[in-house]
Amino acid sequence: SGRPAYTAPDVHFMAGMIVHHAQAVLIAGWAPAHGAGP
């Protein structure tokens, strides 16, 4: 009671994980052009 439903560390986690995921999407997208196996 009296506290927000989320905190600054929660916001930092969400923002950081977006950045983290974006890099994974980037390099995973390289697979076809880099001759990755099936």
PDB file of all heavy atoms in Angstrom:
ATOM      1  N   SER A   1       0.829  -1.202   0.000  1.00  0.00           N
ATOM      2  CA  SER A   1       0.000   0.000   0.000  1.00  0.00           C
ATOM      3  C   SER A   1       0.864   1.253   0.000  1.00  0.00           C
ATOM      4  O   SER A   1       1.837   1.355   0.740  1.00  0.00           O
ATOM      5  CB  SER A   1      -0.896  -0.010   1.254  1.00  0.00           C
ATOM      6  OG  SER A   1      -1.665   1.162   1.305  1.00  0.00           O
ATOM      7  N   GLY A   2       0.516   2.187  -0.863  1.00  0.00           N
ATOM      8  CA  GLY A   2       1.238   3.445  -0.921  1.00  0.00           C
ATOM      9  C   GLY A   2       2.453   3.410  -1.824  1.00  0.00           C
ATOM     10  O   GLY A   2       3.103   4.427  -2.017  1.00  0.00           O
ATOM     11  N   ARG A   3       2.778   2.258  -2.383  1.00  0.00           N
ATOM     12  CA  ARG A   3       3.926   2.146  -3.268  1.00  0.00           C
ATOM     13  C   ARG A   3       3.449   1.954  -4.708  1.00  0.00           C
ATOM     14  O   ARG A   3       2.391   1.386  -4.932  1.00  0.00           O
ATOM     15  CB  ARG A   3       4.797   0.948  -2.867  1.00  0.00           C
ATOM     16  CG  ARG A   3       5.451   1.096  -1.505  1.00  0.00           C
ATOM     17  CD  ARG A   3       6.369  -0.082  -1.236  1.00  0.00           C
ATOM     18  NE  ARG A   3       7.003   0.012   0.084  1.00  0.00           N
ATOM     19  CZ  ARG A   3       7.854  -0.880   0.548  1.00  0.00           C
ATOM     20  NH1 ARG A   3       8.177  -1.933  -0.190  1.00  0.00           N
ATOM     21  NH2 ARG A   3       8.373  -0.734   1.743  1.00  0.00           N
ATOM     22  N   PRO A   4       4.242   2.426  -5.682  1.00  0.00           N
ATOM     23  CA  PRO A   4       3.851   2.214  -7.076  1.00  0.00           C
ATOM     24  C   PRO A   4       3.894   0.732  -7.414  1.00  0.00           C
ATOM     25  O   PRO A   4       4.579  -0.049  -6.772  1.00  0.00           O
ATOM     26  CB  PRO A   4       4.908   3.009  -7.857  1.00  0.00           C
ATOM     27  CG  PRO A   4       6.089   3.072  -6.943  1.00  0.00           C
ATOM     28  CD  PRO A   4       5.505   3.157  -5.556  1.00  0.00           C
ATOM     29  N   ALA A   5       3.155   0.348  -8.431  1.00  0.00           N
ATOM     30  CA  ALA A   5       3.113  -1.054  -8.827  1.00  0.00           C
ATOM     31  C   ALA A   5       4.400  -1.491  -9.514  1.00  0.00           C
ATOM     32  O   ALA A   5       4.593  -2.677  -9.740  1.00  0.00           O
ATOM     33  CB  ALA A   5       1.930  -1.285  -9.753  1.00  0.00           C
ATOM     34  N   TYR A   6       5.249  -0.556  -9.860  1.00  0.00           N
ATOM     35  CA  TYR A   6       6.528  -0.900 -10.465  1.00  0.00           C
ATOM     36  C   TYR A   6       7.581   0.083  -9.986  1.00  0.00           C
ATOM     37  O   TYR A   6       7.258   1.134  -9.411  1.00  0.00           O
ATOM     38  CB  TYR A   6       6.426  -0.884 -11.993  1.00  0.00           C
ATOM     39  CG  TYR A   6       6.192   0.485 -12.593  1.00  0.00           C
ATOM     40  CD1 TYR A   6       7.251   1.252 -13.075  1.00  0.00           C
ATOM     41  CD2 TYR A   6       4.911   1.017 -12.686  1.00  0.00           C
ATOM     42  CE1 TYR A   6       7.045   2.507 -13.617  1.00  0.00           C
ATOM     43  CE2 TYR A   6       4.695   2.267 -13.228  1.00  0.00           C
ATOM     44  CZ  TYR A   6       5.762   3.010 -13.699  1.00  0.00           C
ATOM     45  OH  TYR A   6       5.546   4.251 -14.237  1.00  0.00           O
ATOM     46  N   THR A   7       8.853  -0.249 -10.194  1.00  0.00           N
ATOM     47  CA  THR A   7       9.959   0.544  -9.670  1.00  0.00           C
ATOM     48  C   THR A   7      10.910   0.954 -10.792  1.00  0.00           C
ATOM     49  O   THR A   7      10.822   0.454 -11.924  1.00  0.00           O
ATOM     50  CB  THR A   7      10.744  -0.273  -8.635  1.00  0.00           C
ATOM     51  OG1 THR A   7      11.351  -1.402  -9.307  1.00  0.00           O
ATOM     52  CG2 THR A   7       9.845  -0.770  -7.504  1.00  0.00           C
ATOM     53  N   ALA A   8      11.855   1.828 -10.459  1.00  0.00           N
ATOM     54  CA  ALA A   8      12.875   2.232 -11.432  1.00  0.00           C
ATOM     55  C   ALA A   8      13.682   1.028 -11.931  1.00  0.00           C
ATOM     56  O   ALA A   8      13.977   0.939 -13.135  1.00  0.00           O
ATOM     57  CB  ALA A   8      13.789   3.288 -10.821  1.00  0.00           C
ATOM     58  N   PRO A   9      14.069   0.072 -11.058  1.00  0.00           N
ATOM     59  CA  PRO A   9      14.764  -1.113 -11.573  1.00  0.00           C
ATOM     60  C   PRO A   9      13.916  -1.921 -12.564  1.00  0.00           C
ATOM     61  O   PRO A   9      14.451  -2.527 -13.489  1.00  0.00           O
ATOM     62  CB  PRO A   9      15.069  -1.928 -10.309  1.00  0.00           C
ATOM     63  CG  PRO A   9      15.176  -0.903  -9.227  1.00  0.00           C
ATOM     64  CD  PRO A   9      14.127   0.111  -9.578  1.00  0.00           C
ATOM     65  N   ASP A  10      12.597  -1.933 -12.364  1.00  0.00           N
ATOM     66  CA  ASP A  10      11.721  -2.606 -13.321  1.00  0.00           C
ATOM     67  C   ASP A  10      11.819  -1.944 -14.694  1.00  0.00           C
ATOM     68  O   ASP A  10      11.909  -2.615 -15.727  1.00  0.00           O
ATOM     69  CB  ASP A  10      10.263  -2.562 -12.852  1.00  0.00           C
ATOM     70  CG  ASP A  10      10.016  -3.390 -11.600  1.00  0.00           C
ATOM     71  OD1 ASP A  10      10.787  -4.332 -11.344  1.00  0.00           O
ATOM     72  OD2 ASP A  10       9.056  -3.070 -10.880  1.00  0.00           O
ATOM     73  N   VAL A  11      11.776  -0.614 -14.701  1.00  0.00           N
ATOM     74  CA  VAL A  11      11.867   0.134 -15.959  1.00  0.00           C
ATOM     75  C   VAL A  11      13.218  -0.113 -16.626  1.00  0.00           C
ATOM     76  O   VAL A  11      13.304  -0.331 -17.841  1.00  0.00           O
ATOM     77  CB  VAL A  11      11.650   1.639 -15.703  1.00  0.00           C
ATOM     78  CG1 VAL A  11      11.902   2.449 -16.977  1.00  0.00           C
ATOM     79  CG2 VAL A  11      10.239   1.904 -15.174  1.00  0.00           C
ATOM     80  N   HIS A  12      14.277  -0.110 -15.823  1.00  0.00           N
ATOM     81  CA  HIS A  12      15.619  -0.351 -16.363  1.00  0.00           C
ATOM     82  C   HIS A  12      15.710  -1.749 -16.969  1.00  0.00           C
ATOM     83  O   HIS A  12      16.313  -1.936 -18.036  1.00  0.00           O
ATOM     84  CB  HIS A  12      16.659  -0.185 -15.261  1.00  0.00           C
ATOM     85  CG  HIS A  12      18.076  -0.388 -15.724  1.00  0.00           C
ATOM     86  ND1 HIS A  12      18.777   0.571 -16.413  1.00  0.00           N
ATOM     87  CD2 HIS A  12      18.905  -1.464 -15.620  1.00  0.00           C
ATOM     88  CE1 HIS A  12      19.985   0.103 -16.708  1.00  0.00           C
ATOM     89  NE2 HIS A  12      20.086  -1.132 -16.239  1.00  0.00           N
ATOM     90  N   PHE A  13      15.106  -2.717 -16.309  1.00  0.00           N
ATOM     91  CA  PHE A  13      15.118  -4.084 -16.834  1.00  0.00           C
ATOM     92  C   PHE A  13      14.417  -4.155 -18.179  1.00  0.00           C
ATOM     93  O   PHE A  13      14.937  -4.748 -19.133  1.00  0.00           O
ATOM     94  CB  PHE A  13      14.436  -5.027 -15.840  1.00  0.00           C
ATOM     95  CG  PHE A  13      14.197  -6.413 -16.375  1.00  0.00           C
ATOM     96  CD1 PHE A  13      15.217  -7.356 -16.380  1.00  0.00           C
ATOM     97  CD2 PHE A  13      12.952  -6.765 -16.889  1.00  0.00           C
ATOM     98  CE1 PHE A  13      15.000  -8.638 -16.892  1.00  0.00           C
ATOM     99  CE2 PHE A  13      12.729  -8.039 -17.401  1.00  0.00           C
ATOM    100  CZ  PHE A  13      13.756  -8.982 -17.394  1.00  0.00           C
ATOM    101  N   MET A  14      13.227  -3.563 -18.265  1.00  0.00           N
ATOM    102  CA  MET A  14      12.473  -3.630 -19.509  1.00  0.00           C
ATOM    103  C   MET A  14      13.217  -2.928 -20.644  1.00  0.00           C
ATOM    104  O   MET A  14      13.329  -3.468 -21.753  1.00  0.00           O
ATOM    105  CB  MET A  14      11.093  -3.006 -19.320  1.00  0.00           C
ATOM    106  CG  MET A  14      10.152  -3.829 -18.455  1.00  0.00           C
ATOM    107  SD  MET A  14       9.802  -5.456 -19.167  1.00  0.00           S
ATOM    108  CE  MET A  14       8.020  -5.512 -19.005  1.00  0.00           C
ATOM    109  N   ALA A  15      13.727  -1.740 -20.383  1.00  0.00           N
ATOM    110  CA  ALA A  15      14.453  -1.007 -21.420  1.00  0.00           C
ATOM    111  C   ALA A  15      15.716  -1.758 -21.828  1.00  0.00           C
ATOM    112  O   ALA A  15      16.036  -1.874 -23.025  1.00  0.00           O
ATOM    113  CB  ALA A  15      14.797   0.398 -20.926  1.00  0.00           C
ATOM    114  N   GLY A  16      16.429  -2.284 -20.832  1.00  0.00           N
ATOM    115  CA  GLY A  16      17.654  -3.018 -21.129  1.00  0.00           C
ATOM    116  C   GLY A  16      17.396  -4.294 -21.899  1.00  0.00           C
ATOM    117  O   GLY A  16      18.157  -4.660 -22.806  1.00  0.00           O
ATOM    118  N   MET A  17      16.299  -4.976 -21.569  1.00  0.00           N
ATOM    119  CA  MET A  17      16.007  -6.230 -22.258  1.00  0.00           C
ATOM    120  C   MET A  17      15.574  -5.984 -23.701  1.00  0.00           C
ATOM    121  O   MET A  17      15.823  -6.813 -24.583  1.00  0.00           O
ATOM    122  CB  MET A  17      14.935  -7.013 -21.507  1.00  0.00           C
ATOM    123  CG  MET A  17      14.803  -8.467 -21.952  1.00  0.00           C
ATOM    124  SD  MET A  17      16.336  -9.443 -21.767  1.00  0.00           S
ATOM    125  CE  MET A  17      16.335  -9.720 -19.983  1.00  0.00           C
ATOM    126  N   ILE A  18      14.949  -4.837 -23.967  1.00  0.00           N
ATOM    127  CA  ILE A  18      14.628  -4.482 -25.356  1.00  0.00           C
ATOM    128  C   ILE A  18      15.919  -4.353 -26.169  1.00  0.00           C
ATOM    129  O   ILE A  18      16.045  -4.895 -27.274  1.00  0.00           O
ATOM    130  CB  ILE A  18      13.808  -3.179 -25.415  1.00  0.00           C
ATOM    131  CG1 ILE A  18      12.390  -3.419 -24.884  1.00  0.00           C
ATOM    132  CG2 ILE A  18      13.752  -2.632 -26.849  1.00  0.00           C
ATOM    133  CD1 ILE A  18      11.579  -2.152 -24.678  1.00  0.00           C
ATOM    134  N   VAL A  19      16.890  -3.644 -25.615  1.00  0.00           N
ATOM    135  CA  VAL A  19      18.183  -3.469 -26.281  1.00  0.00           C
ATOM    136  C   VAL A  19      18.870  -4.823 -26.457  1.00  0.00           C
ATOM    137  O   VAL A  19      19.438  -5.136 -27.512  1.00  0.00           O
ATOM    138  CB  VAL A  19      19.065  -2.505 -25.470  1.00  0.00           C
ATOM    139  CG1 VAL A  19      20.475  -2.450 -26.038  1.00  0.00           C
ATOM    140  CG2 VAL A  19      18.457  -1.104 -25.444  1.00  0.00           C
ATOM    141  N   HIS A  20      18.807  -5.643 -25.408  1.00  0.00           N
ATOM    142  CA  HIS A  20      19.424  -6.972 -25.425  1.00  0.00           C
ATOM    143  C   HIS A  20      18.801  -7.838 -26.518  1.00  0.00           C
ATOM    144  O   HIS A  20      19.514  -8.452 -27.332  1.00  0.00           O
ATOM    145  CB  HIS A  20      19.218  -7.614 -24.048  1.00  0.00           C
ATOM    146  CG  HIS A  20      20.203  -8.688 -23.723  1.00  0.00           C
ATOM    147  ND1 HIS A  20      20.012 -10.002 -24.088  1.00  0.00           N
ATOM    148  CD2 HIS A  20      21.380  -8.654 -23.038  1.00  0.00           C
ATOM    149  CE1 HIS A  20      21.023 -10.728 -23.644  1.00  0.00           C
ATOM    150  NE2 HIS A  20      21.863  -9.942 -23.007  1.00  0.00           N
ATOM    151  N   HIS A  21      17.475  -7.884 -26.541  1.00  0.00           N
ATOM    152  CA  HIS A  21      16.776  -8.669 -27.558  1.00  0.00           C
ATOM    153  C   HIS A  21      17.081  -8.161 -28.969  1.00  0.00           C
ATOM    154  O   HIS A  21      17.184  -8.960 -29.917  1.00  0.00           O
ATOM    155  CB  HIS A  21      15.265  -8.597 -27.329  1.00  0.00           C
ATOM    156  CG  HIS A  21      14.733  -9.595 -26.352  1.00  0.00           C
ATOM    157  ND1 HIS A  21      15.509 -10.201 -25.382  1.00  0.00           N
ATOM    158  CD2 HIS A  21      13.475 -10.096 -26.189  1.00  0.00           C
ATOM    159  CE1 HIS A  21      14.745 -11.034 -24.678  1.00  0.00           C
ATOM    160  NE2 HIS A  21      13.512 -10.989 -25.148  1.00  0.00           N
ATOM    161  N   ALA A  22      17.178  -6.846 -29.123  1.00  0.00           N
ATOM    162  CA  ALA A  22      17.403  -6.281 -30.453  1.00  0.00           C
ATOM    163  C   ALA A  22      18.697  -6.798 -31.064  1.00  0.00           C
ATOM    164  O   ALA A  22      18.761  -7.059 -32.273  1.00  0.00           O
ATOM    165  CB  ALA A  22      17.418  -4.752 -30.379  1.00  0.00           C
ATOM    166  N   GLN A  23      19.732  -6.953 -30.237  1.00  0.00           N
ATOM    167  CA  GLN A  23      20.981  -7.476 -30.781  1.00  0.00           C
ATOM    168  C   GLN A  23      20.829  -8.936 -31.198  1.00  0.00           C
ATOM    169  O   GLN A  23      21.361  -9.366 -32.223  1.00  0.00           O
ATOM    170  CB  GLN A  23      22.125  -7.349 -29.776  1.00  0.00           C
ATOM    171  CG  GLN A  23      23.478  -7.691 -30.398  1.00  0.00           C
ATOM    172  CD  GLN A  23      24.617  -7.660 -29.399  1.00  0.00           C
ATOM    173  OE1 GLN A  23      24.733  -8.527 -28.545  1.00  0.00           O
ATOM    174  NE2 GLN A  23      25.462  -6.631 -29.491  1.00  0.00           N
ATOM    175  N   ALA A  24      20.072  -9.709 -30.409  1.00  0.00           N
ATOM    176  CA  ALA A  24      19.840 -11.109 -30.768  1.00  0.00           C
ATOM    177  C   ALA A  24      19.095 -11.213 -32.100  1.00  0.00           C
ATOM    178  O   ALA A  24      19.423 -12.056 -32.951  1.00  0.00           O
ATOM    179  CB  ALA A  24      19.058 -11.809 -29.665  1.00  0.00           C
ATOM    180  N   VAL A  25      18.093 -10.367 -32.286  1.00  0.00           N
ATOM    181  CA  VAL A  25      17.336 -10.360 -33.543  1.00  0.00           C
ATOM    182  C   VAL A  25      18.257  -9.999 -34.711  1.00  0.00           C
ATOM    183  O   VAL A  25      18.182 -10.597 -35.795  1.00  0.00           O
ATOM    184  CB  VAL A  25      16.154  -9.382 -33.458  1.00  0.00           C
ATOM    185  CG1 VAL A  25      15.505  -9.179 -34.816  1.00  0.00           C
ATOM    186  CG2 VAL A  25      15.117  -9.889 -32.445  1.00  0.00           C
ATOM    187  N   LEU A  26      19.132  -9.028 -34.478  1.00  0.00           N
ATOM    188  CA  LEU A  26      20.066  -8.601 -35.527  1.00  0.00           C
ATOM    189  C   LEU A  26      20.932  -9.757 -36.002  1.00  0.00           C
ATOM    190  O   LEU A  26      20.979 -10.069 -37.197  1.00  0.00           O
ATOM    191  CB  LEU A  26      20.950  -7.468 -35.005  1.00  0.00           C
ATOM    192  CG  LEU A  26      22.144  -7.076 -35.890  1.00  0.00           C
ATOM    193  CD1 LEU A  26      21.664  -6.420 -37.178  1.00  0.00           C
ATOM    194  CD2 LEU A  26      23.111  -6.175 -35.141  1.00  0.00           C
ATOM    195  N   ILE A  27      21.621 -10.422 -35.075  1.00  0.00           N
ATOM    196  CA  ILE A  27      22.587 -11.434 -35.497  1.00  0.00           C
ATOM    197  C   ILE A  27      21.896 -12.717 -35.960  1.00  0.00           C
ATOM    198  O   ILE A  27      22.410 -13.412 -36.838  1.00  0.00           O
ATOM    199  CB  ILE A  27      23.638 -11.711 -34.401  1.00  0.00           C
ATOM    200  CG1 ILE A  27      23.016 -12.277 -33.133  1.00  0.00           C
ATOM    201  CG2 ILE A  27      24.435 -10.449 -34.110  1.00  0.00           C
ATOM    202  CD1 ILE A  27      24.054 -12.646 -32.073  1.00  0.00           C
ATOM    203  N   ALA A  28      20.737 -13.019 -35.390  1.00  0.00           N
ATOM    204  CA  ALA A  28      20.001 -14.189 -35.866  1.00  0.00           C
ATOM    205  C   ALA A  28      19.543 -13.978 -37.307  1.00  0.00           C
ATOM    206  O   ALA A  28      19.458 -14.934 -38.091  1.00  0.00           O
ATOM    207  CB  ALA A  28      18.805 -14.481 -34.966  1.00  0.00           C
ATOM    208  N   GLY A  29      19.275 -12.739 -37.664  1.00  0.00           N
ATOM    209  CA  GLY A  29      18.868 -12.419 -39.024  1.00  0.00           C
ATOM    210  C   GLY A  29      19.979 -12.581 -40.044  1.00  0.00           C
ATOM    211  O   GLY A  29      19.714 -12.559 -41.258  1.00  0.00           O
ATOM    212  N   TRP A  30      21.218 -12.736 -39.578  1.00  0.00           N
ATOM    213  CA  TRP A  30      22.336 -12.932 -40.501  1.00  0.00           C
ATOM    214  C   TRP A  30      22.417 -14.356 -41.046  1.00  0.00           C
ATOM    215  O   TRP A  30      23.123 -14.614 -42.012  1.00  0.00           O
ATOM    216  CB  TRP A  30      23.661 -12.616 -39.801  1.00  0.00           C
ATOM    217  CG  TRP A  30      23.874 -11.184 -39.498  1.00  0.00           C
ATOM    218  CD1 TRP A  30      23.142 -10.114 -39.937  1.00  0.00           C
ATOM    219  CD2 TRP A  30      24.912 -10.630 -38.674  1.00  0.00           C
ATOM    220  NE1 TRP A  30      23.656  -8.941 -39.432  1.00  0.00           N
ATOM    221  CE2 TRP A  30      24.746  -9.222 -38.656  1.00  0.00           C
ATOM    222  CE3 TRP A  30      25.961 -11.177 -37.941  1.00  0.00           C
ATOM    223  CZ2 TRP A  30      25.579  -8.368 -37.938  1.00  0.00           C
ATOM    224  CZ3 TRP A  30      26.808 -10.338 -37.223  1.00  0.00           C
ATOM    225  CH2 TRP A  30      26.623  -8.946 -37.227  1.00  0.00           C
ATOM    226  N   ALA A  31      21.737 -15.297 -40.425  1.00  0.00           N
ATOM    227  CA  ALA A  31      21.930 -16.711 -40.736  1.00  0.00           C
ATOM    228  C   ALA A  31      21.826 -17.039 -42.230  1.00  0.00           C
ATOM    229  O   ALA A  31      22.724 -17.702 -42.783  1.00  0.00           O
ATOM    230  CB  ALA A  31      20.965 -17.567 -39.926  1.00  0.00           C
ATOM    231  N   PRO A  32      20.775 -16.614 -42.938  1.00  0.00           N
ATOM    232  CA  PRO A  32      20.677 -16.999 -44.356  1.00  0.00           C
ATOM    233  C   PRO A  32      21.830 -16.482 -45.208  1.00  0.00           C
ATOM    234  O   PRO A  32      22.360 -17.208 -46.056  1.00  0.00           O
ATOM    235  CB  PRO A  32      19.343 -16.381 -44.799  1.00  0.00           C
ATOM    236  CG  PRO A  32      18.554 -16.237 -43.531  1.00  0.00           C
ATOM    237  CD  PRO A  32      19.570 -15.889 -42.491  1.00  0.00           C
ATOM    238  N   ALA A  33      22.219 -15.234 -44.996  1.00  0.00           N
ATOM    239  CA  ALA A  33      23.261 -14.625 -45.826  1.00  0.00           C
ATOM    240  C   ALA A  33      24.666 -15.104 -45.457  1.00  0.00           C
ATOM    241  O   ALA A  33      25.607 -14.859 -46.209  1.00  0.00           O
ATOM    242  CB  ALA A  33      23.202 -13.092 -45.691  1.00  0.00           C
ATOM    243  N   HIS A  34      24.793 -15.781 -44.309  1.00  0.00           N
ATOM    244  CA  HIS A  34      26.119 -16.214 -43.857  1.00  0.00           C
ATOM    245  C   HIS A  34      26.313 -17.726 -43.966  1.00  0.00           C
ATOM    246  O   HIS A  34      27.241 -18.284 -43.383  1.00  0.00           O
ATOM    247  CB  HIS A  34      26.360 -15.746 -42.422  1.00  0.00           C
ATOM    248  CG  HIS A  34      26.598 -14.268 -42.307  1.00  0.00           C
ATOM    249  ND1 HIS A  34      25.626 -13.334 -42.604  1.00  0.00           N
ATOM    250  CD2 HIS A  34      27.690 -13.550 -41.943  1.00  0.00           C
ATOM    251  CE1 HIS A  34      26.108 -12.116 -42.411  1.00  0.00           C
ATOM    252  NE2 HIS A  34      27.365 -12.223 -42.020  1.00  0.00           N
ATOM    253  N   GLY A  35      25.432 -18.357 -44.732  1.00  0.00           N
ATOM    254  CA  GLY A  35      25.627 -19.772 -45.008  1.00  0.00           C
ATOM    255  C   GLY A  35      25.387 -20.696 -43.833  1.00  0.00           C
ATOM    256  O   GLY A  35      25.997 -21.772 -43.754  1.00  0.00           O
ATOM    257  N   ALA A  36      24.507 -20.318 -42.930  1.00  0.00           N
ATOM    258  CA  ALA A  36      24.212 -21.175 -41.785  1.00  0.00           C
ATOM    259  C   ALA A  36      23.573 -22.475 -42.239  1.00  0.00           C
ATOM    260  O   ALA A  36      22.854 -22.516 -43.247  1.00  0.00           O
ATOM    261  CB  ALA A  36      23.284 -20.447 -40.812  1.00  0.00           C
ATOM    262  N   GLY A  37      23.801 -23.525 -41.459  1.00  0.00           N
ATOM    263  CA  GLY A  37      23.198 -24.810 -41.763  1.00  0.00           C
ATOM    264  C   GLY A  37      21.708 -24.805 -41.470  1.00  0.00           C
ATOM    265  O   GLY A  37      21.197 -23.917 -40.787  1.00  0.00           O
ATOM    266  N   PRO A  38      20.976 -25.803 -41.973  1.00  0.00           N
ATOM    267  CA  PRO A  38      19.511 -25.837 -41.805  1.00  0.00           C
ATOM    268  C   PRO A  38      19.059 -25.794 -40.352  1.00  0.00           C
ATOM    269  O   PRO A  38      18.092 -25.097 -40.020  1.00  0.00           O
ATOM    270  CB  PRO A  38      19.118 -27.162 -42.472  1.00  0.00           C
ATOM    271  CG  PRO A  38      20.214 -27.447 -43.443  1.00  0.00           C
ATOM    272  CD  PRO A  38      21.464 -26.919 -42.809  1.00  0.00           C
TER     273      PRO A  38
END
